[in-house]
């Protein structure tokens, strides 16, 4: 059984702001549990030797119960402070990160339609164009669960729209860590590692 740290909250506070989910009119309740991918992030020197490691106690799953969401609404998972930018991606996931007042903050998202988007991009590009290009719009009738995309850099976070109720929850990863020994890029890289 899942162990939740917080249930049905509308803000997850950090030292420099808070995570929230909104439908544009009001905040949507979510729950928080520990991220199961909670391993040390190793720091290497130029000779590929480990010279340090980072850990954080604040590495979480932000869990949304799909039963409280509507299929005709766009939702925004965001942070209240800072300018977020692309952190990294891996295997259907993407992270965005920011550093505010010596704290690095990140949000990670899983895209259940990543393979379908790639298939549509390959079809759109055709063989003669060479480099794969994404179409201006996707055929969303082939998508499942939910549609997700990075929000603008000015607002940060991710935007998503529920498509069906086939899975009981939507999970975003959130984490933060204090910058106290290394440069901010090292901490942001650690967040990307944990969130994707």
Foldseek 3Di string as FASTA:
>chain_A
DFDWPFFFDAWDDDPVWTKGKDLVPDTGTWTKGAQPLFDWAFDADPVRDTPDTDGDPFKIKTKDFCVVADQVTKMWTATDDFFWDWLDDDDQKTKIWGDDPQKIKMKMFGAQCPVVQQVQQDVVCDDVNPDGDGDPDDPCVPPAQKGKDFDDRVGGTMMMGGNDPPDGIGIMIIGMDGRDPDDPSSRSNVVRVSRD
